[in-house]
N, C-alpha and C. Protein backbone atom coordinates (compact mmCIF):
# COMPACT_ATOMS: atom_id res chain seq x y z
N ALA A 1 -15.47 13.78 -1.13
CA ALA A 1 -15.68 12.86 -2.24
C ALA A 1 -15.55 11.41 -1.78
N PHE A 2 -14.52 11.13 -0.97
CA PHE A 2 -14.33 9.75 -0.49
C PHE A 2 -15.48 9.36 0.43
N GLN A 3 -15.85 10.26 1.33
CA GLN A 3 -16.96 9.97 2.23
C GLN A 3 -18.23 9.68 1.44
N ALA A 4 -18.53 10.48 0.44
CA ALA A 4 -19.73 10.28 -0.36
C ALA A 4 -19.69 8.95 -1.10
N ALA A 5 -18.52 8.60 -1.64
CA ALA A 5 -18.38 7.34 -2.35
C ALA A 5 -18.60 6.16 -1.42
N MET A 6 -18.05 6.23 -0.22
CA MET A 6 -18.22 5.13 0.73
C MET A 6 -19.66 5.03 1.21
N ARG A 7 -20.31 6.15 1.38
CA ARG A 7 -21.72 6.11 1.78
C ARG A 7 -22.58 5.47 0.70
N ARG A 8 -22.27 5.77 -0.57
CA ARG A 8 -23.01 5.13 -1.66
C ARG A 8 -22.81 3.63 -1.67
N CYS A 9 -21.66 3.18 -1.18
CA CYS A 9 -21.38 1.74 -1.10
C CYS A 9 -21.99 1.10 0.15
N GLY A 10 -22.63 1.90 0.98
CA GLY A 10 -23.28 1.37 2.17
C GLY A 10 -22.39 1.27 3.39
N VAL A 11 -21.21 1.89 3.35
CA VAL A 11 -20.27 1.79 4.47
C VAL A 11 -20.81 2.56 5.66
N ARG A 12 -20.81 1.89 6.82
CA ARG A 12 -21.28 2.50 8.06
C ARG A 12 -20.13 2.55 9.06
N ASP A 13 -20.17 3.54 9.92
CA ASP A 13 -19.09 3.74 10.88
C ASP A 13 -18.89 2.54 11.80
N GLN A 14 -19.95 1.93 12.24
CA GLN A 14 -19.86 0.87 13.24
C GLN A 14 -20.04 -0.53 12.66
N ALA A 15 -19.86 -0.67 11.36
CA ALA A 15 -20.02 -1.97 10.71
C ALA A 15 -18.68 -2.43 10.14
N ASP A 16 -18.45 -3.74 10.17
CA ASP A 16 -17.24 -4.30 9.58
C ASP A 16 -17.24 -4.10 8.07
N VAL A 17 -16.06 -3.85 7.53
CA VAL A 17 -15.89 -3.71 6.08
C VAL A 17 -14.82 -4.70 5.64
N VAL A 18 -15.12 -5.48 4.61
CA VAL A 18 -14.15 -6.39 4.01
C VAL A 18 -13.92 -5.94 2.58
N VAL A 19 -12.66 -5.76 2.21
CA VAL A 19 -12.32 -5.35 0.85
C VAL A 19 -11.53 -6.46 0.19
N TYR A 20 -11.72 -6.61 -1.12
CA TYR A 20 -10.98 -7.65 -1.84
C TYR A 20 -10.80 -7.22 -3.28
N ASP A 21 -9.88 -7.91 -3.96
CA ASP A 21 -9.72 -7.74 -5.39
C ASP A 21 -9.59 -9.13 -6.02
N GLU A 22 -9.00 -9.22 -7.18
CA GLU A 22 -8.94 -10.51 -7.86
C GLU A 22 -8.13 -11.54 -7.09
N ALA A 23 -6.91 -11.15 -6.63
CA ALA A 23 -6.08 -12.16 -5.97
C ALA A 23 -5.03 -11.60 -5.02
N ASP A 24 -4.18 -10.68 -5.49
CA ASP A 24 -2.98 -10.36 -4.70
C ASP A 24 -3.16 -9.20 -3.73
N SER A 25 -4.36 -8.64 -3.65
CA SER A 25 -4.72 -7.60 -2.68
C SER A 25 -4.06 -6.25 -2.93
N THR A 26 -3.49 -6.04 -4.11
CA THR A 26 -2.88 -4.75 -4.37
C THR A 26 -3.91 -3.63 -4.32
N ALA A 27 -5.02 -3.80 -5.05
CA ALA A 27 -6.07 -2.79 -5.03
C ALA A 27 -6.80 -2.78 -3.69
N ALA A 28 -7.03 -3.97 -3.14
CA ALA A 28 -7.73 -4.06 -1.86
C ALA A 28 -6.96 -3.36 -0.75
N ALA A 29 -5.64 -3.46 -0.79
CA ALA A 29 -4.82 -2.81 0.23
C ALA A 29 -4.95 -1.29 0.16
N ARG A 30 -5.09 -0.76 -1.05
CA ARG A 30 -5.29 0.68 -1.18
C ARG A 30 -6.63 1.09 -0.57
N ALA A 31 -7.68 0.29 -0.81
CA ALA A 31 -8.98 0.57 -0.20
C ALA A 31 -8.89 0.47 1.32
N TRP A 32 -8.18 -0.56 1.80
CA TRP A 32 -7.97 -0.72 3.24
C TRP A 32 -7.29 0.52 3.81
N TRP A 33 -6.23 0.97 3.13
CA TRP A 33 -5.48 2.12 3.64
C TRP A 33 -6.35 3.37 3.68
N LEU A 34 -7.09 3.61 2.62
CA LEU A 34 -7.94 4.81 2.58
C LEU A 34 -8.97 4.80 3.69
N LEU A 35 -9.63 3.67 3.88
CA LEU A 35 -10.63 3.58 4.94
C LEU A 35 -10.00 3.78 6.31
N ARG A 36 -8.86 3.16 6.52
CA ARG A 36 -8.18 3.33 7.81
C ARG A 36 -7.69 4.76 7.99
N TYR A 37 -7.14 5.34 6.95
CA TYR A 37 -6.65 6.72 7.05
C TYR A 37 -7.79 7.67 7.39
N PHE A 38 -8.95 7.43 6.82
CA PHE A 38 -10.09 8.30 7.07
C PHE A 38 -10.92 7.88 8.28
N GLY A 39 -10.36 7.03 9.12
CA GLY A 39 -10.93 6.81 10.44
C GLY A 39 -11.78 5.59 10.65
N HIS A 40 -11.96 4.74 9.62
CA HIS A 40 -12.74 3.51 9.86
C HIS A 40 -11.83 2.48 10.51
N GLU A 41 -12.25 1.96 11.64
CA GLU A 41 -11.39 1.07 12.43
C GLU A 41 -11.66 -0.41 12.20
N ARG A 42 -12.68 -0.74 11.44
CA ARG A 42 -13.08 -2.15 11.31
C ARG A 42 -13.00 -2.57 9.84
N VAL A 43 -11.78 -2.57 9.32
CA VAL A 43 -11.56 -2.89 7.92
C VAL A 43 -10.63 -4.09 7.81
N ARG A 44 -11.01 -5.04 6.99
CA ARG A 44 -10.16 -6.21 6.75
C ARG A 44 -10.03 -6.45 5.25
N VAL A 45 -8.94 -7.13 4.90
CA VAL A 45 -8.69 -7.52 3.52
C VAL A 45 -8.89 -9.02 3.40
N LEU A 46 -9.66 -9.45 2.40
CA LEU A 46 -9.86 -10.88 2.14
C LEU A 46 -8.58 -11.43 1.52
N ASP A 47 -7.83 -12.21 2.27
CA ASP A 47 -6.54 -12.72 1.82
C ASP A 47 -6.73 -13.66 0.63
N GLY A 48 -6.05 -13.37 -0.45
CA GLY A 48 -6.19 -14.18 -1.66
C GLY A 48 -7.31 -13.73 -2.57
N GLY A 49 -8.11 -12.79 -2.10
CA GLY A 49 -9.13 -12.17 -2.93
C GLY A 49 -10.22 -13.09 -3.45
N TYR A 50 -10.83 -12.65 -4.53
CA TYR A 50 -11.96 -13.37 -5.13
C TYR A 50 -11.55 -14.78 -5.54
N ARG A 51 -10.33 -14.91 -6.04
CA ARG A 51 -9.86 -16.23 -6.48
C ARG A 51 -9.86 -17.23 -5.33
N ALA A 52 -9.40 -16.80 -4.15
CA ALA A 52 -9.39 -17.69 -2.99
C ALA A 52 -10.80 -18.00 -2.53
N TRP A 53 -11.68 -17.01 -2.61
CA TRP A 53 -13.08 -17.21 -2.21
C TRP A 53 -13.74 -18.29 -3.07
N VAL A 54 -13.55 -18.19 -4.38
CA VAL A 54 -14.12 -19.17 -5.29
C VAL A 54 -13.50 -20.54 -5.07
N ALA A 55 -12.17 -20.58 -4.88
CA ALA A 55 -11.48 -21.85 -4.67
C ALA A 55 -11.96 -22.55 -3.41
N ALA A 56 -12.41 -21.76 -2.43
CA ALA A 56 -12.92 -22.34 -1.18
C ALA A 56 -14.36 -22.80 -1.30
N GLY A 57 -14.95 -22.65 -2.48
CA GLY A 57 -16.32 -23.10 -2.68
C GLY A 57 -17.38 -22.19 -2.10
N GLN A 58 -17.02 -20.95 -1.86
CA GLN A 58 -17.98 -20.00 -1.29
C GLN A 58 -18.93 -19.48 -2.38
N PRO A 59 -20.12 -19.05 -1.99
CA PRO A 59 -21.12 -18.62 -2.98
C PRO A 59 -20.73 -17.32 -3.68
N VAL A 60 -21.15 -17.19 -4.93
CA VAL A 60 -20.93 -15.96 -5.68
C VAL A 60 -22.24 -15.55 -6.34
N GLU A 61 -22.32 -14.30 -6.74
CA GLU A 61 -23.49 -13.81 -7.46
C GLU A 61 -23.04 -12.85 -8.55
N THR A 62 -23.89 -12.61 -9.51
CA THR A 62 -23.50 -11.80 -10.66
C THR A 62 -24.20 -10.45 -10.72
N HIS A 63 -25.21 -10.23 -9.91
CA HIS A 63 -25.89 -8.94 -9.95
C HIS A 63 -25.20 -7.95 -9.01
N GLU A 64 -25.34 -6.68 -9.30
CA GLU A 64 -24.74 -5.65 -8.46
C GLU A 64 -25.73 -5.25 -7.37
N PRO A 65 -25.35 -5.41 -6.11
CA PRO A 65 -26.28 -5.06 -5.03
C PRO A 65 -26.53 -3.56 -4.95
N GLN A 66 -27.63 -3.20 -4.35
CA GLN A 66 -27.98 -1.80 -4.14
C GLN A 66 -28.12 -1.56 -2.64
N PRO A 67 -27.00 -1.35 -1.95
CA PRO A 67 -27.06 -1.21 -0.49
C PRO A 67 -27.75 0.08 -0.06
N ALA A 68 -28.29 0.05 1.14
CA ALA A 68 -28.82 1.29 1.71
C ALA A 68 -27.66 2.25 1.96
N PRO A 69 -27.88 3.54 1.83
CA PRO A 69 -26.80 4.49 2.06
C PRO A 69 -26.19 4.34 3.44
N GLY A 70 -24.86 4.44 3.51
CA GLY A 70 -24.16 4.33 4.78
C GLY A 70 -24.07 5.66 5.49
N ASP A 71 -23.46 5.62 6.68
CA ASP A 71 -23.30 6.85 7.46
C ASP A 71 -21.83 7.14 7.76
N PHE A 72 -20.93 6.56 6.96
CA PHE A 72 -19.50 6.73 7.21
C PHE A 72 -19.11 8.21 7.24
N THR A 73 -18.36 8.58 8.26
CA THR A 73 -17.86 9.95 8.39
C THR A 73 -16.34 9.94 8.24
N ALA A 74 -15.83 10.59 7.21
CA ALA A 74 -14.39 10.62 6.96
C ALA A 74 -13.71 11.58 7.92
N ARG A 75 -12.72 11.05 8.62
CA ARG A 75 -11.93 11.85 9.57
C ARG A 75 -10.45 11.59 9.25
N PRO A 76 -9.85 12.37 8.40
CA PRO A 76 -8.49 12.08 7.92
C PRO A 76 -7.44 12.15 9.02
N GLY A 77 -6.36 11.40 8.78
CA GLY A 77 -5.20 11.50 9.66
C GLY A 77 -4.98 10.33 10.59
N HIS A 78 -5.65 9.20 10.35
CA HIS A 78 -5.53 8.07 11.27
C HIS A 78 -4.42 7.09 10.92
N LEU A 79 -3.72 7.32 9.83
CA LEU A 79 -2.52 6.56 9.50
C LEU A 79 -1.42 7.56 9.15
N PRO A 80 -0.16 7.20 9.43
CA PRO A 80 0.93 8.15 9.14
C PRO A 80 1.19 8.30 7.65
N VAL A 81 1.50 9.52 7.26
CA VAL A 81 1.87 9.81 5.88
C VAL A 81 3.15 10.63 5.88
N LEU A 82 3.80 10.65 4.75
CA LEU A 82 4.96 11.53 4.60
C LEU A 82 4.87 12.21 3.25
N ASP A 83 5.53 13.34 3.15
CA ASP A 83 5.58 14.05 1.88
C ASP A 83 7.04 14.22 1.46
N ALA A 84 7.24 14.94 0.38
CA ALA A 84 8.60 15.06 -0.17
C ALA A 84 9.57 15.66 0.84
N ASP A 85 9.10 16.58 1.65
CA ASP A 85 9.99 17.21 2.63
C ASP A 85 10.41 16.25 3.73
N ASP A 86 9.62 15.19 3.96
CA ASP A 86 9.96 14.21 4.99
C ASP A 86 10.96 13.16 4.51
N VAL A 87 11.08 13.02 3.20
CA VAL A 87 11.87 11.92 2.64
C VAL A 87 13.32 11.91 3.12
N PRO A 88 14.02 13.04 3.16
CA PRO A 88 15.42 12.99 3.62
C PRO A 88 15.58 12.40 5.01
N ASP A 89 14.63 12.67 5.91
CA ASP A 89 14.72 12.10 7.25
C ASP A 89 14.62 10.58 7.21
N PHE A 90 13.73 10.07 6.36
CA PHE A 90 13.56 8.62 6.29
C PHE A 90 14.77 7.94 5.65
N THR A 91 15.34 8.55 4.64
CA THR A 91 16.50 7.92 4.01
C THR A 91 17.75 8.04 4.87
N ARG A 92 17.77 9.01 5.78
CA ARG A 92 18.92 9.18 6.66
C ARG A 92 18.78 8.38 7.96
N ASP A 93 17.62 8.45 8.58
CA ASP A 93 17.43 7.88 9.92
C ASP A 93 16.58 6.61 9.93
N GLY A 94 15.99 6.26 8.81
CA GLY A 94 15.11 5.09 8.78
C GLY A 94 15.27 4.32 7.49
N VAL A 95 14.18 3.73 7.03
CA VAL A 95 14.18 2.96 5.79
C VAL A 95 13.01 3.44 4.93
N LEU A 96 13.30 3.80 3.70
CA LEU A 96 12.28 4.17 2.74
C LEU A 96 12.21 3.06 1.70
N LEU A 97 11.09 2.38 1.62
CA LEU A 97 10.93 1.24 0.73
C LEU A 97 10.25 1.66 -0.57
N ASP A 98 10.80 1.22 -1.68
CA ASP A 98 10.23 1.46 -3.00
C ASP A 98 9.47 0.20 -3.40
N ALA A 99 8.15 0.29 -3.48
CA ALA A 99 7.31 -0.89 -3.69
C ALA A 99 7.14 -1.27 -5.16
N ARG A 100 7.72 -0.52 -6.07
CA ARG A 100 7.56 -0.81 -7.49
C ARG A 100 8.41 -2.02 -7.91
N ALA A 101 8.16 -2.48 -9.12
CA ALA A 101 8.98 -3.56 -9.67
C ALA A 101 10.44 -3.13 -9.71
N ALA A 102 11.34 -4.10 -9.58
CA ALA A 102 12.76 -3.80 -9.48
C ALA A 102 13.29 -3.05 -10.70
N GLU A 103 12.77 -3.37 -11.89
CA GLU A 103 13.27 -2.70 -13.09
C GLU A 103 12.86 -1.23 -13.12
N ARG A 104 11.74 -0.91 -12.51
CA ARG A 104 11.36 0.51 -12.41
C ARG A 104 12.25 1.22 -11.39
N TYR A 105 12.53 0.55 -10.29
CA TYR A 105 13.45 1.11 -9.29
C TYR A 105 14.80 1.43 -9.92
N ARG A 106 15.31 0.50 -10.70
CA ARG A 106 16.63 0.69 -11.32
C ARG A 106 16.62 1.73 -12.43
N GLY A 107 15.44 2.13 -12.87
CA GLY A 107 15.33 3.11 -13.94
C GLY A 107 15.46 2.53 -15.33
N GLU A 108 15.31 1.21 -15.45
CA GLU A 108 15.44 0.56 -16.75
C GLU A 108 14.19 0.76 -17.61
N VAL A 109 13.04 0.82 -16.95
CA VAL A 109 11.77 1.07 -17.63
C VAL A 109 10.95 2.03 -16.78
N GLU A 110 10.08 2.78 -17.41
CA GLU A 110 9.14 3.63 -16.69
C GLU A 110 7.88 3.78 -17.53
N PRO A 111 6.89 2.93 -17.27
CA PRO A 111 5.69 2.90 -18.11
C PRO A 111 4.69 4.01 -17.83
N VAL A 112 4.87 4.76 -16.75
CA VAL A 112 3.85 5.72 -16.34
C VAL A 112 4.37 7.16 -16.34
N ASP A 113 5.49 7.38 -15.67
CA ASP A 113 5.98 8.73 -15.45
C ASP A 113 7.05 9.14 -16.47
N PRO A 114 7.25 10.44 -16.67
CA PRO A 114 8.22 10.90 -17.67
C PRO A 114 9.68 10.76 -17.26
N VAL A 115 9.92 10.49 -15.98
CA VAL A 115 11.29 10.33 -15.48
C VAL A 115 11.42 8.96 -14.85
N ALA A 116 12.49 8.25 -15.17
CA ALA A 116 12.73 6.92 -14.61
C ALA A 116 13.75 7.01 -13.48
N GLY A 117 13.72 6.01 -12.59
CA GLY A 117 14.67 5.96 -11.49
C GLY A 117 13.97 5.82 -10.16
N HIS A 118 14.69 6.19 -9.09
CA HIS A 118 14.12 6.08 -7.75
C HIS A 118 14.64 7.21 -6.86
N ILE A 119 14.02 7.35 -5.70
CA ILE A 119 14.45 8.35 -4.73
C ILE A 119 15.79 7.90 -4.14
N PRO A 120 16.81 8.74 -4.15
CA PRO A 120 18.10 8.34 -3.59
C PRO A 120 17.97 7.89 -2.14
N GLY A 121 18.60 6.77 -1.84
CA GLY A 121 18.56 6.23 -0.49
C GLY A 121 17.44 5.25 -0.25
N ALA A 122 16.47 5.18 -1.18
CA ALA A 122 15.37 4.22 -1.02
C ALA A 122 15.86 2.81 -1.30
N VAL A 123 15.16 1.84 -0.73
CA VAL A 123 15.51 0.43 -0.87
C VAL A 123 14.45 -0.26 -1.72
N SER A 124 14.87 -1.03 -2.71
CA SER A 124 13.93 -1.75 -3.56
C SER A 124 13.23 -2.86 -2.78
N ALA A 125 11.89 -2.83 -2.80
CA ALA A 125 11.09 -3.82 -2.07
C ALA A 125 9.82 -4.10 -2.84
N PRO A 126 9.93 -4.79 -3.99
CA PRO A 126 8.75 -5.00 -4.84
C PRO A 126 7.58 -5.63 -4.08
N THR A 127 6.41 -5.04 -4.27
CA THR A 127 5.23 -5.45 -3.53
C THR A 127 4.88 -6.92 -3.73
N LEU A 128 5.05 -7.43 -4.94
CA LEU A 128 4.63 -8.80 -5.20
C LEU A 128 5.42 -9.82 -4.38
N GLU A 129 6.56 -9.41 -3.82
CA GLU A 129 7.29 -10.33 -2.96
C GLU A 129 6.65 -10.48 -1.58
N ASN A 130 5.60 -9.70 -1.32
CA ASN A 130 4.87 -9.85 -0.06
C ASN A 130 3.89 -11.01 -0.08
N VAL A 131 3.63 -11.54 -1.28
CA VAL A 131 2.61 -12.58 -1.41
C VAL A 131 3.18 -13.84 -2.03
N ARG A 132 2.46 -14.93 -1.81
CA ARG A 132 2.82 -16.20 -2.43
C ARG A 132 2.28 -16.23 -3.86
N PRO A 133 2.65 -17.26 -4.63
CA PRO A 133 2.15 -17.33 -6.01
C PRO A 133 0.63 -17.33 -6.13
N ASP A 134 -0.07 -17.81 -5.09
CA ASP A 134 -1.54 -17.83 -5.16
C ASP A 134 -2.16 -16.49 -4.77
N GLY A 135 -1.33 -15.50 -4.45
CA GLY A 135 -1.84 -14.18 -4.11
C GLY A 135 -2.06 -13.95 -2.64
N ARG A 136 -1.90 -14.96 -1.81
CA ARG A 136 -2.07 -14.78 -0.37
C ARG A 136 -0.81 -14.18 0.23
N PHE A 137 -1.00 -13.39 1.28
CA PHE A 137 0.15 -12.81 1.97
C PHE A 137 1.02 -13.91 2.58
N ARG A 138 2.31 -13.68 2.60
CA ARG A 138 3.21 -14.58 3.30
C ARG A 138 2.94 -14.49 4.80
N ASP A 139 3.34 -15.53 5.51
CA ASP A 139 3.14 -15.55 6.96
C ASP A 139 3.88 -14.39 7.61
N PRO A 140 3.39 -13.90 8.76
CA PRO A 140 4.06 -12.78 9.43
C PRO A 140 5.55 -13.01 9.66
N ALA A 141 5.94 -14.25 10.01
CA ALA A 141 7.36 -14.53 10.24
C ALA A 141 8.16 -14.36 8.95
N GLU A 142 7.60 -14.80 7.82
CA GLU A 142 8.27 -14.63 6.54
C GLU A 142 8.39 -13.15 6.18
N LEU A 143 7.32 -12.40 6.44
CA LEU A 143 7.36 -10.98 6.14
C LEU A 143 8.38 -10.26 7.02
N ARG A 144 8.44 -10.64 8.29
CA ARG A 144 9.43 -10.02 9.18
C ARG A 144 10.84 -10.28 8.68
N ALA A 145 11.10 -11.51 8.23
CA ALA A 145 12.42 -11.84 7.71
C ALA A 145 12.71 -11.05 6.43
N ARG A 146 11.72 -10.93 5.59
CA ARG A 146 11.89 -10.15 4.35
C ARG A 146 12.25 -8.71 4.66
N PHE A 147 11.50 -8.09 5.55
CA PHE A 147 11.75 -6.68 5.84
C PHE A 147 13.02 -6.49 6.66
N ALA A 148 13.36 -7.46 7.50
CA ALA A 148 14.62 -7.37 8.24
C ALA A 148 15.80 -7.35 7.27
N ALA A 149 15.70 -8.15 6.21
CA ALA A 149 16.77 -8.19 5.22
C ALA A 149 16.90 -6.86 4.47
N LEU A 150 15.83 -6.07 4.50
CA LEU A 150 15.84 -4.76 3.85
C LEU A 150 16.21 -3.64 4.81
N GLY A 151 16.53 -4.01 6.07
CA GLY A 151 16.98 -3.02 7.03
C GLY A 151 15.95 -2.57 8.04
N VAL A 152 14.76 -3.16 8.01
CA VAL A 152 13.69 -2.75 8.94
C VAL A 152 13.88 -3.45 10.28
N THR A 153 13.83 -2.70 11.35
CA THR A 153 13.87 -3.23 12.71
C THR A 153 12.72 -2.61 13.49
N PRO A 154 12.42 -3.14 14.69
CA PRO A 154 11.34 -2.55 15.49
C PRO A 154 11.55 -1.08 15.83
N ASP A 155 12.80 -0.62 15.81
CA ASP A 155 13.09 0.77 16.16
C ASP A 155 13.32 1.67 14.95
N THR A 156 13.07 1.13 13.76
CA THR A 156 13.36 1.87 12.54
C THR A 156 12.13 2.62 12.03
N PRO A 157 12.21 3.93 11.82
CA PRO A 157 11.13 4.61 11.10
C PRO A 157 11.06 4.06 9.67
N VAL A 158 9.87 3.70 9.23
CA VAL A 158 9.71 3.08 7.91
C VAL A 158 8.71 3.88 7.09
N GLY A 159 9.06 4.13 5.84
CA GLY A 159 8.16 4.76 4.90
C GLY A 159 8.10 3.93 3.63
N ALA A 160 7.04 4.11 2.85
CA ALA A 160 6.89 3.36 1.60
C ALA A 160 6.33 4.27 0.52
N TYR A 161 6.82 4.06 -0.70
CA TYR A 161 6.27 4.78 -1.84
C TYR A 161 6.28 3.85 -3.05
N CYS A 162 5.57 4.26 -4.10
CA CYS A 162 5.55 3.48 -5.33
C CYS A 162 5.46 4.48 -6.48
N GLY A 163 4.61 4.22 -7.46
CA GLY A 163 4.45 5.18 -8.53
C GLY A 163 3.48 6.29 -8.17
N SER A 164 2.32 5.89 -7.62
CA SER A 164 1.28 6.88 -7.32
C SER A 164 0.57 6.61 -6.00
N GLY A 165 1.16 5.78 -5.13
CA GLY A 165 0.59 5.56 -3.81
C GLY A 165 -0.34 4.38 -3.69
N VAL A 166 -0.48 3.58 -4.74
CA VAL A 166 -1.39 2.44 -4.69
C VAL A 166 -0.68 1.19 -4.17
N THR A 167 0.34 0.73 -4.90
CA THR A 167 1.01 -0.49 -4.45
C THR A 167 1.77 -0.28 -3.14
N ALA A 168 2.16 0.95 -2.84
CA ALA A 168 2.83 1.20 -1.56
C ALA A 168 1.89 0.95 -0.39
N ALA A 169 0.58 1.10 -0.60
CA ALA A 169 -0.38 0.77 0.45
C ALA A 169 -0.32 -0.72 0.77
N HIS A 170 -0.06 -1.54 -0.24
CA HIS A 170 0.12 -2.98 -0.04
C HIS A 170 1.35 -3.23 0.82
N GLU A 171 2.40 -2.45 0.59
CA GLU A 171 3.62 -2.57 1.41
C GLU A 171 3.33 -2.20 2.86
N VAL A 172 2.54 -1.14 3.05
CA VAL A 172 2.17 -0.71 4.41
C VAL A 172 1.38 -1.81 5.11
N LEU A 173 0.46 -2.45 4.38
CA LEU A 173 -0.32 -3.53 4.97
C LEU A 173 0.57 -4.72 5.31
N ALA A 174 1.47 -5.08 4.42
CA ALA A 174 2.39 -6.19 4.70
C ALA A 174 3.26 -5.89 5.92
N LEU A 175 3.71 -4.66 6.03
CA LEU A 175 4.49 -4.26 7.21
C LEU A 175 3.64 -4.35 8.46
N ARG A 176 2.37 -3.96 8.36
CA ARG A 176 1.47 -4.08 9.51
C ARG A 176 1.33 -5.55 9.93
N LEU A 177 1.20 -6.44 8.97
CA LEU A 177 1.09 -7.87 9.27
C LEU A 177 2.37 -8.39 9.93
N ALA A 178 3.50 -7.78 9.59
CA ALA A 178 4.78 -8.18 10.17
C ALA A 178 5.03 -7.52 11.52
N GLY A 179 4.14 -6.60 11.91
CA GLY A 179 4.27 -5.96 13.21
C GLY A 179 4.88 -4.58 13.20
N TYR A 180 4.95 -3.95 12.00
CA TYR A 180 5.56 -2.62 11.89
C TYR A 180 4.54 -1.59 11.41
N GLU A 181 4.64 -0.40 11.95
CA GLU A 181 3.83 0.72 11.49
C GLU A 181 4.65 1.53 10.49
N ALA A 182 4.11 1.73 9.31
CA ALA A 182 4.85 2.44 8.26
C ALA A 182 4.04 3.61 7.73
N ALA A 183 4.75 4.65 7.32
CA ALA A 183 4.12 5.83 6.72
C ALA A 183 4.08 5.68 5.21
N LEU A 184 3.00 6.13 4.62
CA LEU A 184 2.84 6.11 3.17
C LEU A 184 3.13 7.49 2.58
N TYR A 185 3.85 7.50 1.48
CA TYR A 185 4.04 8.73 0.70
C TYR A 185 2.96 8.72 -0.38
N PRO A 186 1.82 9.36 -0.16
CA PRO A 186 0.70 9.24 -1.11
C PRO A 186 1.04 9.69 -2.52
N GLY A 187 1.79 10.77 -2.66
CA GLY A 187 2.13 11.25 -4.00
C GLY A 187 3.15 10.38 -4.71
N SER A 188 4.01 9.75 -3.93
CA SER A 188 5.01 8.80 -4.42
C SER A 188 5.86 9.37 -5.57
N TRP A 189 6.32 8.47 -6.43
CA TRP A 189 7.26 8.87 -7.47
C TRP A 189 6.67 9.94 -8.40
N SER A 190 5.39 9.81 -8.72
CA SER A 190 4.76 10.78 -9.62
C SER A 190 4.84 12.19 -9.05
N HIS A 191 4.76 12.33 -7.73
CA HIS A 191 4.87 13.64 -7.11
C HIS A 191 6.34 14.05 -6.97
N TRP A 192 7.19 13.10 -6.60
CA TRP A 192 8.61 13.42 -6.38
C TRP A 192 9.23 14.10 -7.58
N ILE A 193 8.91 13.61 -8.77
CA ILE A 193 9.58 14.11 -9.98
C ILE A 193 8.96 15.41 -10.51
N THR A 194 7.92 15.93 -9.86
CA THR A 194 7.35 17.19 -10.32
C THR A 194 8.29 18.37 -10.07
N ASP A 195 9.22 18.20 -9.16
CA ASP A 195 10.20 19.24 -8.87
C ASP A 195 11.54 18.81 -9.47
N PRO A 196 12.00 19.48 -10.52
CA PRO A 196 13.25 19.07 -11.17
C PRO A 196 14.48 19.20 -10.28
N ASN A 197 14.34 19.90 -9.16
CA ASN A 197 15.47 20.04 -8.24
C ASN A 197 15.63 18.85 -7.30
N ARG A 198 14.62 17.98 -7.26
CA ARG A 198 14.74 16.80 -6.40
C ARG A 198 15.64 15.77 -7.09
N PRO A 199 16.52 15.14 -6.34
CA PRO A 199 17.46 14.20 -6.95
C PRO A 199 16.80 12.91 -7.39
N VAL A 200 17.37 12.30 -8.39
CA VAL A 200 16.90 11.02 -8.93
C VAL A 200 18.09 10.09 -9.03
N ALA A 201 17.89 8.85 -8.59
CA ALA A 201 18.95 7.84 -8.67
C ALA A 201 18.53 6.73 -9.63
N LYS A 202 19.52 6.04 -10.19
CA LYS A 202 19.27 4.88 -11.04
C LYS A 202 20.24 3.77 -10.64
N GLY A 203 19.92 2.57 -11.06
CA GLY A 203 20.76 1.43 -10.71
C GLY A 203 20.29 0.72 -9.46
N GLU A 204 21.16 -0.10 -8.90
CA GLU A 204 20.79 -0.95 -7.78
C GLU A 204 20.64 -0.18 -6.47
N LYS A 205 21.26 0.99 -6.34
CA LYS A 205 21.19 1.76 -5.09
C LYS A 205 20.91 3.23 -5.39
């Protein structure tokens, strides 16, 4: 399904792909992650998105293009992932980052899932703190300092999750910009809570 969708968009194996969204790259980072996971090696995110493009005086158009079909071949497994069974290792031996808003991490609100809270041992790392107010990513040095304060080091296994695996992809991209390779938990919180035997934490830790 993903391969077919990308081919309809004109994606080719040997052509550069640029993905963007309105501003903060949350959705664009998910597209970046999917393309990279499925084997496309030439994917970039337009920093600051459409808003930055317009602010720079670049041309825009209003019609929807009809690209020629692409030849993209999906080959899964090119980025690290983790599942529920891997989580204890990350919380014990590494750092598991929760990319959701802090109030969702603390379990104060839960607008999507039937259970509020976070995975025990995970560290709150809201995705929007990866970007400046204009939606552009913070400089690599700033990102390194941010993640270092959360316990990430060059020797630390790092994983990221969110509600359903979308905003956590933004965390993975920010970590990549800071020089770290991180694993994504695609099912994230929505998957974690499907098993009532899995523990749930609330509060600051």
